[in-house]
Protein backbone atom coordinates (compact mmCIF):
# COMPACT_ATOMS: atom_id res chain seq x y z
CA UNK A 1 18.92 2.42 -27.85
CA UNK A 2 22.72 1.81 -27.96
CA UNK A 3 25.00 1.64 -24.80
CA UNK A 4 26.77 5.05 -25.40
CA UNK A 5 23.49 6.98 -25.88
CA UNK A 6 22.25 5.44 -22.46
CA UNK A 7 25.42 6.69 -20.82
CA UNK A 8 25.00 10.11 -22.24
CA UNK A 9 21.39 10.33 -21.09
CA UNK A 10 22.17 9.36 -17.49
CA UNK A 11 25.31 11.73 -17.34
CA UNK A 12 22.81 14.49 -18.50
CA UNK A 13 20.29 13.46 -15.93
CA UNK A 14 22.82 13.36 -13.20
CA UNK A 15 24.11 16.80 -14.23
CA UNK A 16 20.62 18.26 -14.04
CA UNK A 17 19.99 16.86 -10.68
CA UNK A 18 23.10 18.45 -9.05
CA UNK A 19 22.25 22.00 -10.80
CA UNK A 20 18.78 21.64 -9.51
CA UNK A 21 19.83 20.84 -5.81
CA UNK A 22 22.38 23.76 -5.99
CA UNK A 23 19.83 26.08 -7.17
CA UNK A 24 17.39 25.05 -4.25
CA UNK A 25 20.12 25.51 -1.60
CA UNK A 26 21.06 29.00 -2.93
CA UNK A 27 17.44 30.25 -3.08
CA UNK A 28 16.63 28.96 0.41
CA UNK A 29 20.10 30.13 2.04
CA UNK A 30 20.42 33.51 0.24
CA UNK A 31 19.27 36.38 2.75
CA UNK A 32 19.25 34.13 5.72
CA UNK A 33 21.33 32.34 7.85
CA UNK A 34 22.12 28.60 7.34
CA UNK A 35 19.75 27.54 10.04
CA UNK A 36 16.90 29.88 8.72
CA UNK A 37 17.54 28.55 5.26
CA UNK A 38 17.04 25.10 6.26
CA UNK A 39 14.02 25.92 8.41
CA UNK A 40 12.52 27.75 5.24
CA UNK A 41 13.06 24.68 3.12
CA UNK A 42 11.55 22.35 5.93
CA UNK A 43 8.47 24.95 5.88
CA UNK A 44 8.13 24.84 1.94
CA UNK A 45 8.26 21.15 2.15
CA UNK A 46 5.32 20.70 4.32
CA UNK A 47 3.43 23.27 2.35
CA UNK A 48 4.28 21.49 -0.97
CA UNK A 49 1.17 19.59 -2.20
CA UNK A 50 1.22 16.47 -4.34
CA UNK A 51 -1.41 17.55 -6.71
CA UNK A 52 -2.28 20.67 -8.90
CA UNK A 53 -5.79 21.85 -9.60
CA UNK A 54 -7.59 21.40 -12.93
CA UNK A 55 -10.74 23.75 -12.78
CA UNK A 56 -13.92 22.07 -14.10
CA UNK A 57 -16.25 24.99 -13.11
CA UNK A 58 -15.23 28.48 -12.50
CA UNK A 59 -16.25 30.08 -9.39
CA UNK A 60 -15.28 31.90 -5.98
CA UNK A 61 -11.37 31.50 -5.55
CA UNK A 62 -11.60 31.03 -1.76
CA UNK A 63 -14.36 28.23 -2.21
CA UNK A 64 -13.77 24.80 -3.67
CA UNK A 65 -15.57 21.77 -4.34
CA UNK A 66 -12.98 18.82 -5.16
CA UNK A 67 -14.04 16.07 -7.56
CA UNK A 68 -12.10 12.87 -6.85
CA UNK A 69 -12.61 10.03 -9.31
CA UNK A 70 -12.32 6.39 -8.19
CA UNK A 71 -12.44 3.88 -11.36
CA UNK A 72 -11.71 0.40 -11.54
CA UNK A 73 -11.04 -2.42 -9.33
CA UNK A 74 -10.03 -1.44 -6.07
CA UNK A 75 -6.39 -2.94 -5.13
CA UNK A 76 -3.60 -2.22 -2.78
CA UNK A 77 -1.23 -3.50 -5.41
CA UNK A 78 0.39 -0.95 -7.53
CA UNK A 79 -0.24 -0.64 -11.29
CA UNK A 80 2.11 0.95 -14.18
CA UNK A 81 1.13 4.56 -14.61
CA UNK A 82 2.27 7.44 -16.57
CA UNK A 83 5.95 6.86 -17.93
CA UNK A 84 6.01 3.78 -16.02
CA UNK A 85 5.84 5.40 -12.59
CA UNK A 86 4.38 3.01 -10.03
CA UNK A 87 0.95 4.14 -8.87
CA UNK A 88 -1.55 2.49 -6.14
CA UNK A 89 -5.24 3.60 -6.61
CA UNK A 90 -5.60 3.09 -2.72
CA UNK A 91 -2.87 5.60 -2.02
CA UNK A 92 -3.65 7.86 -4.94
CA UNK A 93 -7.15 8.36 -3.63
CA UNK A 94 -6.03 8.54 0.13
CA UNK A 95 -3.49 11.22 -0.84
CA UNK A 96 -6.17 13.21 -2.82
CA UNK A 97 -8.59 13.05 0.38
CA UNK A 98 -5.69 14.14 2.52
CA UNK A 99 -5.03 17.25 0.33
CA UNK A 100 -8.51 18.15 0.00
CA UNK A 101 -8.93 17.81 3.99
CA UNK A 102 -6.04 20.00 4.68
CA UNK A 103 -7.23 22.90 2.40
CA UNK A 104 -9.52 25.32 4.13
CA UNK A 105 -10.82 26.55 0.88
CA UNK A 106 -12.35 23.10 0.10
CA UNK A 107 -15.65 23.22 1.37
CA UNK A 108 -16.99 19.75 0.11
CA UNK A 109 -15.91 16.88 -1.72
CA UNK A 110 -17.44 14.90 -4.44
CA UNK A 111 -16.29 11.10 -4.85
CA UNK A 112 -17.32 9.78 -8.11
CA UNK A 113 -17.17 5.89 -8.08
CA UNK A 114 -17.22 3.77 -11.10
CA UNK A 115 -16.04 0.41 -9.82
CA UNK A 116 -17.30 -3.33 -9.48
CA UNK A 117 -15.40 -3.39 -6.08
CA UNK A 118 -12.08 -5.13 -5.16
CA UNK A 119 -10.13 -6.40 -2.30
CA UNK A 120 -11.57 -6.25 1.40
CA UNK A 121 -8.88 -4.56 3.19
CA UNK A 122 -8.20 -1.93 0.14
CA UNK A 123 -11.86 -0.98 0.14
CA UNK A 124 -12.00 -0.78 3.98
CA UNK A 125 -8.96 1.37 3.97
CA UNK A 126 -10.58 3.95 1.59
CA UNK A 127 -14.11 3.67 3.51
CA UNK A 128 -12.17 4.87 6.48
CA UNK A 129 -10.73 7.70 4.77
CA UNK A 130 -13.84 8.84 3.23
CA UNK A 131 -15.65 8.49 6.68
CA UNK A 132 -12.91 10.44 8.21
CA UNK A 133 -13.11 13.30 5.86
CA UNK A 134 -16.91 13.38 6.21
CA UNK A 135 -16.48 14.13 9.99
CA UNK A 136 -14.88 17.49 8.84
CA UNK A 137 -16.26 18.35 5.42
CA UNK A 138 -19.39 17.12 3.46
CA UNK A 139 -18.64 14.19 1.29
CA UNK A 140 -21.06 13.35 -1.57
CA UNK A 141 -20.64 10.10 -3.35
CA UNK A 142 -21.81 10.12 -6.94
CA UNK A 143 -22.36 6.50 -8.35
CA UNK A 144 -21.59 6.31 -12.12
CA UNK A 145 -22.17 3.28 -14.28
CA UNK A 146 -21.24 0.85 -11.41
CA UNK A 147 -20.50 1.22 -7.81
CA UNK A 148 -21.05 -2.14 -6.39
CA UNK A 149 -19.59 -4.28 -3.37
CA UNK A 150 -16.33 -2.68 -2.44
CA UNK A 151 -17.53 0.56 -4.40
CA UNK A 152 -20.73 0.64 -2.26
CA UNK A 153 -18.65 -0.15 0.91
CA UNK A 154 -16.66 3.05 0.39
CA UNK A 155 -19.54 4.90 -0.37
CA UNK A 156 -21.26 4.16 2.98
CA UNK A 157 -18.43 6.25 4.60
CA UNK A 158 -20.07 9.42 2.55
CA UNK A 159 -22.28 12.29 3.93
CA UNK A 160 -24.86 11.58 1.11
CA UNK A 161 -25.03 9.23 -1.90
CA UNK A 162 -26.45 10.08 -5.33
CA UNK A 163 -26.91 7.25 -7.73
CA UNK A 164 -28.05 7.40 -11.43
CA UNK A 165 -31.30 5.54 -12.24
CA UNK A 166 -29.51 2.93 -14.36
CA UNK A 167 -26.33 2.47 -12.05
CA UNK A 168 -25.62 -0.97 -10.89
CA UNK A 169 -24.98 -1.12 -7.27
CA UNK A 170 -25.33 -3.00 -4.10
CA UNK A 171 -23.78 -6.57 -4.35
CA UNK A 172 -23.32 -6.63 -0.49
CA UNK A 173 -21.34 -9.68 -0.22
CA UNK A 174 -17.84 -11.57 -0.03
CA UNK A 175 -16.10 -13.86 -2.49
CA UNK A 176 -13.10 -15.97 -2.01
CA UNK A 177 -11.97 -17.76 -5.22
CA UNK A 178 -9.83 -20.75 -5.90
CA UNK A 179 -9.33 -23.41 -8.49
CA UNK A 180 -8.96 -27.19 -7.87
CA UNK A 181 -6.99 -29.04 -10.50
CA UNK A 182 -6.42 -32.28 -8.51
CA UNK A 183 -8.37 -34.18 -11.14
CA UNK A 184 -6.35 -33.01 -13.82
CA UNK A 185 -3.05 -33.95 -12.03
CA UNK A 186 -4.61 -37.54 -11.70
CA UNK A 187 -5.05 -37.76 -15.49
CA UNK A 188 -1.63 -36.45 -16.09
CA UNK A 189 0.21 -38.42 -13.56
CA UNK A 190 1.19 -35.41 -11.41
CA UNK A 191 1.23 -35.23 -7.58
CA UNK A 192 1.91 -32.47 -5.22
CA UNK A 193 4.11 -33.13 -2.12
CA UNK A 194 3.52 -30.44 0.45
CA UNK A 195 4.79 -30.03 3.91
CA UNK A 196 2.76 -28.01 6.46
CA UNK A 197 3.06 -27.17 10.18
CA UNK A 198 -0.48 -27.32 10.58
CA UNK A 199 -3.79 -28.81 9.39
CA UNK A 200 -4.94 -25.49 7.62
CA UNK A 201 -1.70 -24.21 6.57
CA UNK A 202 -2.26 -25.28 2.93
CA UNK A 203 -6.26 -24.24 3.01
CA UNK A 204 -7.59 -23.76 -0.58
CA UNK A 205 -4.65 -25.77 -2.17
CA UNK A 206 -5.57 -26.84 -5.56
CA UNK A 207 -3.73 -29.78 -5.99
CA UNK A 208 -6.19 -31.95 -3.51
CA UNK A 209 -9.80 -32.16 -2.92
CA UNK A 210 -11.00 -29.73 -0.22
CA UNK A 211 -11.63 -31.19 3.09
CA UNK A 212 -14.86 -30.64 5.09
CA UNK A 213 -13.33 -28.91 8.00
CA UNK A 214 -11.26 -26.70 5.75
CA UNK A 215 -14.52 -25.85 3.81
CA UNK A 216 -16.17 -24.73 7.26
CA UNK A 217 -13.03 -22.71 8.15
CA UNK A 218 -12.99 -20.69 4.77
CA UNK A 219 -16.69 -20.12 5.10
CA UNK A 220 -16.53 -18.91 8.62
CA UNK A 221 -13.82 -16.25 7.46
CA UNK A 222 -16.29 -15.20 4.54
CA UNK A 223 -19.00 -14.84 7.24
CA UNK A 224 -17.02 -12.67 9.52
CA UNK A 225 -16.33 -10.18 6.53
CA UNK A 226 -19.87 -10.24 5.17
CA UNK A 227 -20.89 -9.48 8.90
CA UNK A 228 -18.70 -6.57 8.90
CA UNK A 229 -19.96 -5.30 5.49
CA UNK A 230 -23.47 -5.78 6.83
CA UNK A 231 -22.54 -3.62 10.03
CA UNK A 232 -21.05 -0.77 7.79
CA UNK A 233 -24.21 -0.66 5.60
CA UNK A 234 -26.69 -0.72 8.71
CA UNK A 235 -24.71 2.03 10.53
CA UNK A 236 -24.58 4.33 7.42
CA UNK A 237 -28.19 3.93 6.04
CA UNK A 238 -30.18 3.19 9.06
CA UNK A 239 -31.53 -0.07 8.00
CA UNK A 240 -31.32 -3.10 10.71
CA UNK A 241 -28.91 -6.10 9.76
CA UNK A 242 -31.60 -8.63 9.65
CA UNK A 243 -33.73 -6.72 7.04
CA UNK A 244 -30.59 -6.26 4.89
CA UNK A 245 -29.64 -9.83 5.32
CA UNK A 246 -33.08 -11.19 4.61
CA UNK A 247 -33.43 -8.78 1.85
CA UNK A 248 -31.06 -6.72 -0.87
CA UNK A 249 -27.79 -7.88 0.85
CA UNK A 250 -27.68 -11.51 -0.76
CA UNK A 251 -24.77 -10.50 -3.10
CA UNK A 252 -27.21 -9.35 -5.87
CA UNK A 253 -26.74 -6.27 -7.76
CA UNK A 254 -29.42 -3.67 -8.16
CA UNK A 255 -30.25 -0.35 -10.22
CA UNK A 256 -30.14 2.76 -8.77
CA UNK A 257 -33.74 3.16 -8.82
CA UNK A 258 -34.09 0.03 -6.69
CA UNK A 259 -31.30 1.06 -4.52
CA UNK A 260 -33.49 4.18 -3.62
CA UNK A 261 -36.27 2.09 -2.96
CA UNK A 262 -34.14 -0.06 -0.58
CA UNK A 263 -32.64 2.94 1.18
CA UNK A 264 -29.18 2.23 0.17
CA UNK A 265 -28.65 5.91 -1.66
CA UNK A 266 -30.15 9.26 -0.83
CA UNK A 267 -31.40 10.45 -4.19
CA UNK A 268 -31.18 9.78 -7.90
CA UNK A 269 -29.51 12.24 -10.35
CA UNK A 270 -26.26 12.85 -12.34
CA UNK A 271 -22.92 14.32 -11.61
CA UNK A 272 -24.23 17.87 -11.62
CA UNK A 273 -26.76 16.95 -9.01
CA UNK A 274 -23.88 15.75 -6.74
CA UNK A 275 -21.92 18.88 -7.23
CA UNK A 276 -24.85 21.06 -6.48
CA UNK A 277 -25.68 18.90 -3.25
CA UNK A 278 -22.04 19.24 -2.29
CA UNK A 279 -22.10 22.99 -2.84
CA UNK A 280 -25.33 23.17 -0.74
CA UNK A 281 -24.00 20.93 2.21
CA UNK A 282 -20.91 22.99 2.02
CA UNK A 283 -22.67 26.26 2.13
CA UNK A 284 -20.61 27.38 -0.96
CA UNK A 285 -22.99 27.88 -3.65
CA UNK A 286 -20.60 30.09 -5.51
CA UNK A 287 -17.54 27.63 -5.28
CA UNK A 288 -15.45 26.75 -8.10
CA UNK A 289 -15.16 22.63 -8.88
CA UNK A 290 -11.74 21.39 -9.36
CA UNK A 291 -10.07 17.86 -9.90
CA UNK A 292 -6.64 17.19 -8.87
CA UNK A 293 -3.80 16.33 -11.16
CA UNK A 294 -0.52 14.44 -10.11
CA UNK A 295 2.55 16.66 -10.65
CA UNK A 296 5.57 14.68 -11.47
CA UNK A 297 8.66 16.34 -9.90
CA UNK A 298 12.15 16.18 -10.99
CA UNK A 299 13.13 13.28 -8.69
CA UNK A 300 9.83 11.37 -10.14
CA UNK A 301 11.32 11.79 -13.67
CA UNK A 302 14.69 10.99 -12.47
CA UNK A 303 13.48 7.66 -11.01
CA UNK A 304 11.52 6.98 -13.97
CA UNK A 305 14.18 7.56 -16.29
CA UNK A 306 16.54 5.19 -14.06
CA UNK A 307 13.76 2.38 -14.01
CA UNK A 308 13.43 2.81 -17.97
CA UNK A 309 17.16 2.30 -18.27
CA UNK A 310 17.27 -0.77 -15.95
CA UNK A 311 14.62 -2.37 -18.19
CA UNK A 312 16.44 -1.61 -21.37
CA UNK A 313 16.44 -4.36 -23.57
CA UNK A 314 13.51 -6.23 -21.91
CA UNK A 315 10.70 -7.58 -24.13
CA UNK A 316 7.60 -5.04 -23.84
CA UNK A 317 4.68 -6.86 -22.34
CA UNK A 318 1.04 -5.65 -23.31
CA UNK A 319 -1.97 -7.11 -21.56
CA UNK A 320 -5.63 -5.44 -21.88
CA UNK A 321 -7.44 -8.53 -20.20
CA UNK A 322 -7.09 -7.40 -16.50
CA UNK A 323 -8.40 -4.15 -17.25
CA UNK A 324 -11.45 -5.39 -18.72
CA UNK A 325 -11.97 -8.27 -16.80
CA UNK A 326 -9.60 -8.46 -13.74
CA UNK A 327 -8.57 -11.88 -12.47
CA UNK A 328 -9.10 -12.62 -8.86
CA UNK A 329 -5.97 -13.58 -6.98
CA UNK A 330 -6.90 -17.16 -5.46
CA UNK A 331 -7.40 -17.15 -1.77
CA UNK A 332 -7.82 -13.47 -1.15
CA UNK A 333 -11.08 -12.17 -0.18
CA UNK A 334 -13.02 -9.75 -2.25
CA UNK A 335 -16.10 -7.24 -2.07
CA UNK A 336 -16.62 -7.71 -5.73
CA UNK A 337 -19.88 -7.69 -7.94
CA UNK A 338 -20.55 -11.33 -9.39
CA UNK A 339 -20.71 -9.98 -12.84
CA UNK A 340 -17.08 -8.72 -12.57
CA UNK A 341 -15.85 -11.97 -11.47
CA UNK A 342 -14.20 -13.87 -14.33
CA UNK A 343 -15.38 -17.38 -15.29
CA UNK A 344 -12.70 -20.30 -14.93
């Protein structure tokens, strides 16, 4: 796009912004005093929701079951979304949960999980959000193709868990991934000079062989996170930790049928069965079923346009690999199913 065209587009966007702000001020101030107008504006801002509703199943207007979809690797890192807008899977799911919790017409929530797991902290954040919602409204998790490791961790916060017979789930365990390339350095004549303030400051460095005390240190970190995972599952499913540890909680993935036998899920079925269960638990048999859709406001579009202009002239980079087989960031702990961990 030529420089002149970019200038015209920016001027148009700025003009539209000024007009929009002026109309909002007139709307809230007309017929009221200045203070009342500002109060009304504040009240409207508080009531405004981030998501609109898309009806999946028509029912009673005063009763709703919200379906929230959690897809892909669970990460706190933002990804490029619609029109380049930065989105975070954790923040998106959390904000949908908050909107469902605040809406008195929402009687229950169905959380559909299709994820191999993800970051430890991101998984724990969503687990706490789901558990908090379940204390106020029934939450039914439906496990789709895969709900393993971090995906299963999150499911433990729900009221009930429904899995398909062919779902891959469990994978109760922790992994920290790193690459050691010290041998390659020796072959090509390279050497890393690292200055550290303590013996463990450069832990998991790939430029040198791992020390035994370092290996024990990292393994202890993994053990702590694994123990928390066991505690979460034990509390949610009523299965003693030692039974889990000596049985299904050795990192393996299992089918939905095997998960039911191991008491990791409540029943087998399909999404429709999870919705019916949610209606039953929410005492809302005639409820409509809705999904949330993010509504981009004027400011969102303005920010996106500005970001697009700042990137004008930059080469377009496309990568499909991370969405198919996500790369684990070295040194970061994951609740991740082994089948989703890429080979080096």
